[in-house]
């Protein structure tokens, strides 16, 4: 005899595995600290590249003003200006990345926990069915 509740739970789990489970299951393979650290390192690299691209376009935009800096007298001032902007840019990106990835990990934890809860229910229903 088919158990409708077990079939419903198994269908729900199959939909989860093909949907959001595909995203959340790999996240739960890491500890929270490892996952957040790994993602923040990736964010640091990509934000450094983004800053470099933005800086390049800013240099193109300010090309006429840059001739004074390249004459030599204001070169340290330009370096400090760029370094301060870079640090601010990176800090803002890292704070945002930390918040985003901690929330994503918490959401994945809750989602996978519910999945395993449903899996245990299916196992109990199957054992109950086998004993009858």
N, C-alpha and C. Protein backbone atom coordinates (compact mmCIF):
# COMPACT_ATOMS: atom_id res chain seq x y z
N UNK A 1 0.84 -1.18 0.00
CA UNK A 1 0.00 0.00 0.00
C UNK A 1 0.89 1.25 0.00
N UNK A 2 0.53 2.21 -0.77
CA UNK A 2 1.32 3.43 -0.88
C UNK A 2 0.97 4.39 0.26
N UNK A 3 1.98 4.94 0.85
CA UNK A 3 1.80 5.91 1.92
C UNK A 3 1.87 7.29 1.29
N UNK A 4 0.75 8.00 1.30
CA UNK A 4 0.66 9.31 0.64
C UNK A 4 1.57 10.35 1.29
N UNK A 5 1.67 10.30 2.60
CA UNK A 5 2.52 11.28 3.28
C UNK A 5 3.99 11.08 2.90
N UNK A 6 4.41 9.82 2.82
CA UNK A 6 5.80 9.53 2.44
C UNK A 6 6.07 9.98 1.01
N UNK A 7 5.13 9.73 0.11
CA UNK A 7 5.29 10.16 -1.28
C UNK A 7 5.35 11.67 -1.38
N UNK A 8 4.50 12.35 -0.59
CA UNK A 8 4.50 13.82 -0.60
C UNK A 8 5.85 14.35 -0.11
N UNK A 9 6.38 13.79 0.97
CA UNK A 9 7.67 14.22 1.49
C UNK A 9 8.80 13.93 0.50
N UNK A 10 8.76 12.77 -0.13
CA UNK A 10 9.81 12.43 -1.09
C UNK A 10 9.77 13.34 -2.31
N UNK A 11 8.58 13.71 -2.73
CA UNK A 11 8.44 14.65 -3.85
C UNK A 11 8.98 16.02 -3.47
N UNK A 12 8.65 16.45 -2.25
CA UNK A 12 9.15 17.74 -1.76
C UNK A 12 10.68 17.74 -1.70
N UNK A 13 11.26 16.64 -1.26
CA UNK A 13 12.71 16.54 -1.17
C UNK A 13 13.35 16.52 -2.55
N UNK A 14 12.72 15.84 -3.51
CA UNK A 14 13.26 15.80 -4.87
C UNK A 14 13.25 17.19 -5.50
N UNK A 15 12.18 17.93 -5.26
CA UNK A 15 12.09 19.30 -5.78
C UNK A 15 13.18 20.16 -5.14
N UNK A 16 13.40 19.98 -3.84
CA UNK A 16 14.44 20.73 -3.14
C UNK A 16 15.82 20.42 -3.72
N UNK A 17 16.10 19.13 -3.95
CA UNK A 17 17.41 18.73 -4.46
C UNK A 17 17.70 19.32 -5.83
N UNK A 18 16.68 19.46 -6.66
CA UNK A 18 16.90 20.02 -7.99
C UNK A 18 16.83 21.54 -8.01
N UNK A 19 16.26 22.13 -6.96
CA UNK A 19 16.11 23.58 -6.90
C UNK A 19 17.15 24.22 -6.02
N UNK A 20 16.67 24.73 -4.88
CA UNK A 20 17.58 25.46 -3.99
C UNK A 20 18.59 24.56 -3.30
N UNK A 21 18.32 23.28 -3.22
CA UNK A 21 19.27 22.35 -2.64
C UNK A 21 20.57 22.28 -3.42
N UNK A 22 20.48 22.47 -4.71
CA UNK A 22 21.67 22.48 -5.57
C UNK A 22 22.61 23.61 -5.17
N UNK A 23 22.04 24.70 -4.67
CA UNK A 23 22.85 25.84 -4.23
C UNK A 23 23.31 25.67 -2.78
N UNK A 24 22.42 25.17 -1.92
CA UNK A 24 22.70 25.13 -0.49
C UNK A 24 23.50 23.92 -0.04
N UNK A 25 23.36 22.79 -0.69
CA UNK A 25 24.08 21.59 -0.26
C UNK A 25 25.61 21.78 -0.29
N UNK A 26 26.18 22.37 -1.34
CA UNK A 26 27.64 22.59 -1.33
C UNK A 26 28.09 23.56 -0.24
N UNK A 27 27.27 24.52 0.11
CA UNK A 27 27.62 25.48 1.15
C UNK A 27 27.78 24.76 2.49
N UNK A 28 26.92 23.80 2.76
CA UNK A 28 26.96 23.10 4.04
C UNK A 28 28.10 22.10 4.14
N UNK A 29 28.88 21.94 3.10
CA UNK A 29 30.05 21.08 3.18
C UNK A 29 31.20 21.78 3.92
N UNK A 30 31.06 23.07 4.13
CA UNK A 30 32.09 23.86 4.81
C UNK A 30 31.60 24.22 6.22
N UNK A 31 32.55 24.49 7.09
CA UNK A 31 32.22 25.15 8.34
C UNK A 31 31.94 26.61 8.00
N UNK A 32 31.19 27.27 8.87
CA UNK A 32 30.80 28.65 8.60
C UNK A 32 32.02 29.54 8.39
N UNK A 33 32.99 29.42 9.27
CA UNK A 33 34.18 30.26 9.18
C UNK A 33 34.93 30.02 7.86
N UNK A 34 35.07 28.78 7.47
CA UNK A 34 35.77 28.45 6.23
C UNK A 34 35.04 29.00 5.01
N UNK A 35 33.72 28.82 5.00
CA UNK A 35 32.92 29.30 3.86
C UNK A 35 33.02 30.82 3.73
N UNK A 36 32.82 31.51 4.84
CA UNK A 36 32.85 32.99 4.80
C UNK A 36 34.25 33.47 4.41
N UNK A 37 35.29 32.86 4.97
CA UNK A 37 36.66 33.26 4.64
C UNK A 37 36.96 33.05 3.15
N UNK A 38 36.58 31.90 2.63
CA UNK A 38 36.82 31.59 1.23
C UNK A 38 36.11 32.60 0.32
N UNK A 39 34.87 32.90 0.63
CA UNK A 39 34.12 33.85 -0.19
C UNK A 39 34.67 35.27 -0.06
N UNK A 40 35.16 35.62 1.12
CA UNK A 40 35.74 36.96 1.29
C UNK A 40 37.05 37.10 0.55
N UNK A 41 37.82 36.02 0.46
CA UNK A 41 39.06 36.06 -0.32
C UNK A 41 38.72 36.27 -1.80
N UNK A 42 37.70 35.54 -2.27
CA UNK A 42 37.27 35.74 -3.67
C UNK A 42 36.78 37.17 -3.89
N UNK A 43 36.05 37.71 -2.91
CA UNK A 43 35.57 39.08 -3.01
C UNK A 43 36.72 40.07 -3.01
N UNK A 44 37.75 39.82 -2.21
CA UNK A 44 38.92 40.70 -2.18
C UNK A 44 39.59 40.74 -3.56
N UNK A 45 39.75 39.59 -4.17
CA UNK A 45 40.40 39.53 -5.49
C UNK A 45 39.56 40.25 -6.54
N UNK A 46 38.26 39.96 -6.56
CA UNK A 46 37.41 40.59 -7.57
C UNK A 46 37.24 42.09 -7.33
N UNK A 47 37.20 42.51 -6.06
CA UNK A 47 37.07 43.94 -5.80
C UNK A 47 38.37 44.68 -6.12
N UNK A 48 39.51 44.02 -5.97
CA UNK A 48 40.78 44.63 -6.37
C UNK A 48 40.82 44.83 -7.88
N UNK A 49 40.35 43.83 -8.61
CA UNK A 49 40.27 43.95 -10.07
C UNK A 49 39.31 45.06 -10.46
N UNK A 50 38.16 45.12 -9.78
CA UNK A 50 37.18 46.17 -10.07
C UNK A 50 37.76 47.55 -9.78
N UNK A 51 38.49 47.68 -8.68
CA UNK A 51 39.11 48.97 -8.36
C UNK A 51 40.12 49.35 -9.44
N UNK A 52 40.89 48.37 -9.89
CA UNK A 52 41.87 48.64 -10.94
C UNK A 52 41.21 49.15 -12.21
N UNK A 53 40.09 48.53 -12.58
CA UNK A 53 39.36 48.97 -13.79
C UNK A 53 38.81 50.37 -13.58
N UNK A 54 38.19 50.61 -12.42
CA UNK A 54 37.66 51.95 -12.14
C UNK A 54 38.77 53.00 -12.11
N UNK A 55 39.90 52.64 -11.53
CA UNK A 55 41.03 53.56 -11.49
C UNK A 55 41.54 53.87 -12.89
N UNK A 56 41.60 52.87 -13.74
CA UNK A 56 42.03 53.07 -15.12
C UNK A 56 41.12 54.06 -15.85
N UNK A 57 39.80 53.88 -15.68
CA UNK A 57 38.87 54.79 -16.35
C UNK A 57 38.93 56.19 -15.74
N UNK A 58 39.17 56.27 -14.42
CA UNK A 58 39.32 57.57 -13.79
C UNK A 58 40.56 58.28 -14.34
N UNK A 59 41.65 57.50 -14.54
CA UNK A 59 42.88 58.07 -15.11
C UNK A 59 42.63 58.58 -16.52
N UNK A 60 41.87 57.84 -17.32
CA UNK A 60 41.54 58.30 -18.66
C UNK A 60 40.73 59.60 -18.61
N UNK A 61 39.79 59.66 -17.67
CA UNK A 61 38.94 60.84 -17.54
C UNK A 61 39.76 62.06 -17.11
N UNK A 62 40.71 61.88 -16.22
CA UNK A 62 41.51 62.98 -15.68
C UNK A 62 42.87 63.09 -16.37
N UNK A 63 43.00 62.63 -17.58
CA UNK A 63 44.29 62.58 -18.27
C UNK A 63 44.97 63.95 -18.33
N UNK A 64 44.22 65.00 -18.56
CA UNK A 64 44.83 66.33 -18.65
C UNK A 64 45.38 66.78 -17.30
N UNK A 65 44.66 66.47 -16.22
CA UNK A 65 45.12 66.86 -14.88
C UNK A 65 46.29 66.00 -14.42
N UNK A 66 46.43 64.83 -14.96
CA UNK A 66 47.48 63.90 -14.54
C UNK A 66 48.87 64.35 -15.00
N UNK A 67 48.94 65.20 -15.97
CA UNK A 67 50.26 65.64 -16.44
C UNK A 67 51.02 66.37 -15.33
N UNK A 68 50.30 67.11 -14.47
CA UNK A 68 50.94 67.78 -13.33
C UNK A 68 51.50 66.76 -12.34
N UNK A 69 50.75 65.70 -12.11
CA UNK A 69 51.21 64.67 -11.18
C UNK A 69 52.43 63.94 -11.72
N UNK A 70 52.46 63.71 -13.01
CA UNK A 70 53.56 62.95 -13.59
C UNK A 70 54.83 63.79 -13.77
N UNK A 71 54.73 65.09 -13.56
CA UNK A 71 55.93 65.91 -13.60
C UNK A 71 56.83 65.65 -12.40
N UNK A 72 56.30 64.98 -11.39
CA UNK A 72 57.13 64.54 -10.28
C UNK A 72 56.86 65.19 -8.95
N UNK A 73 56.38 66.42 -8.93
CA UNK A 73 56.25 67.08 -7.64
C UNK A 73 55.06 66.59 -6.82
N UNK A 74 54.03 66.08 -7.45
CA UNK A 74 52.84 65.64 -6.73
C UNK A 74 52.64 64.13 -6.78
N UNK A 75 53.66 63.40 -7.15
CA UNK A 75 53.54 61.95 -7.29
C UNK A 75 53.26 61.25 -5.95
N UNK A 76 53.94 61.58 -4.84
CA UNK A 76 53.60 60.94 -3.56
C UNK A 76 52.17 61.25 -3.12
N UNK A 77 51.73 62.47 -3.41
CA UNK A 77 50.35 62.85 -3.06
C UNK A 77 49.34 62.00 -3.84
N UNK A 78 49.63 61.74 -5.10
CA UNK A 78 48.75 60.89 -5.91
C UNK A 78 48.74 59.46 -5.37
N UNK A 79 49.89 58.95 -4.97
CA UNK A 79 49.97 57.60 -4.42
C UNK A 79 49.16 57.46 -3.14
N UNK A 80 49.26 58.45 -2.25
CA UNK A 80 48.48 58.43 -1.01
C UNK A 80 46.99 58.53 -1.31
N UNK A 81 46.62 59.38 -2.26
CA UNK A 81 45.22 59.54 -2.67
C UNK A 81 44.65 58.21 -3.17
N UNK A 82 45.39 57.52 -4.01
CA UNK A 82 44.94 56.24 -4.57
C UNK A 82 44.88 55.18 -3.48
N UNK A 83 45.88 55.13 -2.63
CA UNK A 83 45.93 54.13 -1.56
C UNK A 83 44.76 54.28 -0.58
N UNK A 84 44.46 55.51 -0.20
CA UNK A 84 43.34 55.76 0.72
C UNK A 84 42.02 55.33 0.08
N UNK A 85 41.84 55.68 -1.18
CA UNK A 85 40.60 55.28 -1.89
C UNK A 85 40.51 53.76 -2.01
N UNK A 86 41.63 53.12 -2.28
CA UNK A 86 41.65 51.66 -2.42
C UNK A 86 41.29 50.99 -1.09
N UNK A 87 41.84 51.46 0.00
CA UNK A 87 41.55 50.87 1.31
C UNK A 87 40.08 51.05 1.67
N UNK A 88 39.55 52.24 1.44
CA UNK A 88 38.12 52.49 1.71
C UNK A 88 37.26 51.57 0.85
N UNK A 89 37.57 51.45 -0.41
CA UNK A 89 36.83 50.60 -1.35
C UNK A 89 36.84 49.15 -0.88
N UNK A 90 38.00 48.64 -0.51
CA UNK A 90 38.15 47.24 -0.09
C UNK A 90 37.42 46.99 1.22
N UNK A 91 37.54 47.90 2.18
CA UNK A 91 36.88 47.72 3.47
C UNK A 91 35.36 47.68 3.29
N UNK A 92 34.83 48.57 2.50
CA UNK A 92 33.38 48.57 2.26
C UNK A 92 32.95 47.26 1.61
N UNK A 93 33.66 46.82 0.61
CA UNK A 93 33.33 45.57 -0.06
C UNK A 93 33.42 44.38 0.88
N UNK A 94 34.44 44.35 1.73
CA UNK A 94 34.62 43.21 2.64
C UNK A 94 33.51 43.17 3.70
N UNK A 95 33.10 44.32 4.19
CA UNK A 95 32.01 44.37 5.17
C UNK A 95 30.72 43.86 4.53
N UNK A 96 30.45 44.33 3.33
CA UNK A 96 29.25 43.87 2.63
C UNK A 96 29.34 42.37 2.36
N UNK A 97 30.48 41.90 1.93
CA UNK A 97 30.66 40.47 1.65
C UNK A 97 30.46 39.64 2.91
N UNK A 98 30.99 40.09 4.03
CA UNK A 98 30.82 39.35 5.27
C UNK A 98 29.35 39.21 5.63
N UNK A 99 28.62 40.31 5.55
CA UNK A 99 27.19 40.28 5.88
C UNK A 99 26.44 39.35 4.94
N UNK A 100 26.70 39.46 3.65
CA UNK A 100 26.00 38.64 2.66
C UNK A 100 26.29 37.15 2.86
N UNK A 101 27.55 36.80 3.04
CA UNK A 101 27.90 35.38 3.12
C UNK A 101 27.52 34.75 4.45
N UNK A 102 27.50 35.51 5.53
CA UNK A 102 27.00 34.96 6.80
C UNK A 102 25.50 34.69 6.69
N UNK A 103 24.78 35.62 6.10
CA UNK A 103 23.33 35.40 5.91
C UNK A 103 23.07 34.21 4.99
N UNK A 104 23.84 34.12 3.93
CA UNK A 104 23.66 33.00 3.00
C UNK A 104 23.94 31.67 3.69
N UNK A 105 24.95 31.62 4.54
CA UNK A 105 25.28 30.39 5.25
C UNK A 105 24.16 30.02 6.24
N UNK A 106 23.64 31.02 6.95
CA UNK A 106 22.55 30.76 7.88
C UNK A 106 21.31 30.24 7.15
N UNK A 107 21.02 30.85 6.02
CA UNK A 107 19.86 30.41 5.23
C UNK A 107 20.07 28.98 4.72
N UNK A 108 21.27 28.67 4.28
CA UNK A 108 21.58 27.32 3.81
C UNK A 108 21.48 26.33 4.95
N UNK A 109 21.93 26.71 6.12
CA UNK A 109 21.87 25.82 7.28
C UNK A 109 20.43 25.49 7.63
N UNK A 110 19.57 26.49 7.67
CA UNK A 110 18.16 26.26 7.98
C UNK A 110 17.50 25.40 6.91
N UNK A 111 17.82 25.67 5.67
CA UNK A 111 17.22 24.93 4.56
C UNK A 111 17.64 23.47 4.55
N UNK A 112 18.92 23.21 4.75
CA UNK A 112 19.43 21.84 4.75
C UNK A 112 18.95 21.09 6.00
N UNK A 113 18.82 21.81 7.10
CA UNK A 113 18.29 21.20 8.32
C UNK A 113 16.86 20.71 8.10
N UNK A 114 16.06 21.51 7.43
CA UNK A 114 14.69 21.10 7.11
C UNK A 114 14.69 19.89 6.17
N UNK A 115 15.60 19.87 5.23
CA UNK A 115 15.71 18.74 4.31
C UNK A 115 16.03 17.45 5.06
N UNK A 116 16.99 17.51 5.97
CA UNK A 116 17.35 16.32 6.75
C UNK A 116 16.23 15.91 7.70
N UNK A 117 15.46 16.87 8.18
CA UNK A 117 14.31 16.55 9.01
C UNK A 117 13.27 15.76 8.19
N UNK A 118 13.04 16.21 6.97
CA UNK A 118 12.12 15.48 6.09
C UNK A 118 12.66 14.10 5.75
N UNK A 119 13.95 14.00 5.59
CA UNK A 119 14.57 12.70 5.30
C UNK A 119 14.36 11.72 6.46
N UNK A 120 14.50 12.20 7.67
CA UNK A 120 14.26 11.35 8.84
C UNK A 120 12.80 10.93 8.93
N UNK A 121 11.89 11.84 8.60
CA UNK A 121 10.46 11.49 8.59
C UNK A 121 10.19 10.39 7.59
N UNK A 122 10.79 10.50 6.41
CA UNK A 122 10.59 9.47 5.38
C UNK A 122 11.14 8.13 5.87
N UNK A 123 12.28 8.15 6.52
CA UNK A 123 12.86 6.91 7.03
C UNK A 123 11.95 6.28 8.09
N UNK A 124 11.41 7.09 9.00
CA UNK A 124 10.51 6.57 10.03
C UNK A 124 9.24 5.99 9.41
N UNK A 125 8.70 6.70 8.40
CA UNK A 125 7.50 6.19 7.74
C UNK A 125 7.79 4.88 7.01
N UNK A 126 8.95 4.80 6.40
CA UNK A 126 9.32 3.57 5.69
C UNK A 126 9.52 2.41 6.67
N UNK A 127 10.17 2.67 7.81
CA UNK A 127 10.35 1.62 8.81
C UNK A 127 9.02 1.17 9.37
N UNK A 128 8.13 2.13 9.61
CA UNK A 128 6.80 1.80 10.13
C UNK A 128 6.05 0.93 9.12
N UNK A 129 6.18 1.27 7.84
CA UNK A 129 5.51 0.52 6.77
C UNK A 129 6.07 -0.89 6.65
N UNK A 130 7.38 -1.04 6.85
CA UNK A 130 8.02 -2.36 6.75
C UNK A 130 7.61 -3.28 7.89
N UNK A 131 7.36 -2.70 9.07
CA UNK A 131 6.98 -3.52 10.22
C UNK A 131 5.54 -4.00 10.14
N UNK A 132 4.75 -3.39 9.30
CA UNK A 132 3.34 -3.82 9.16
C UNK A 132 3.18 -4.93 8.21
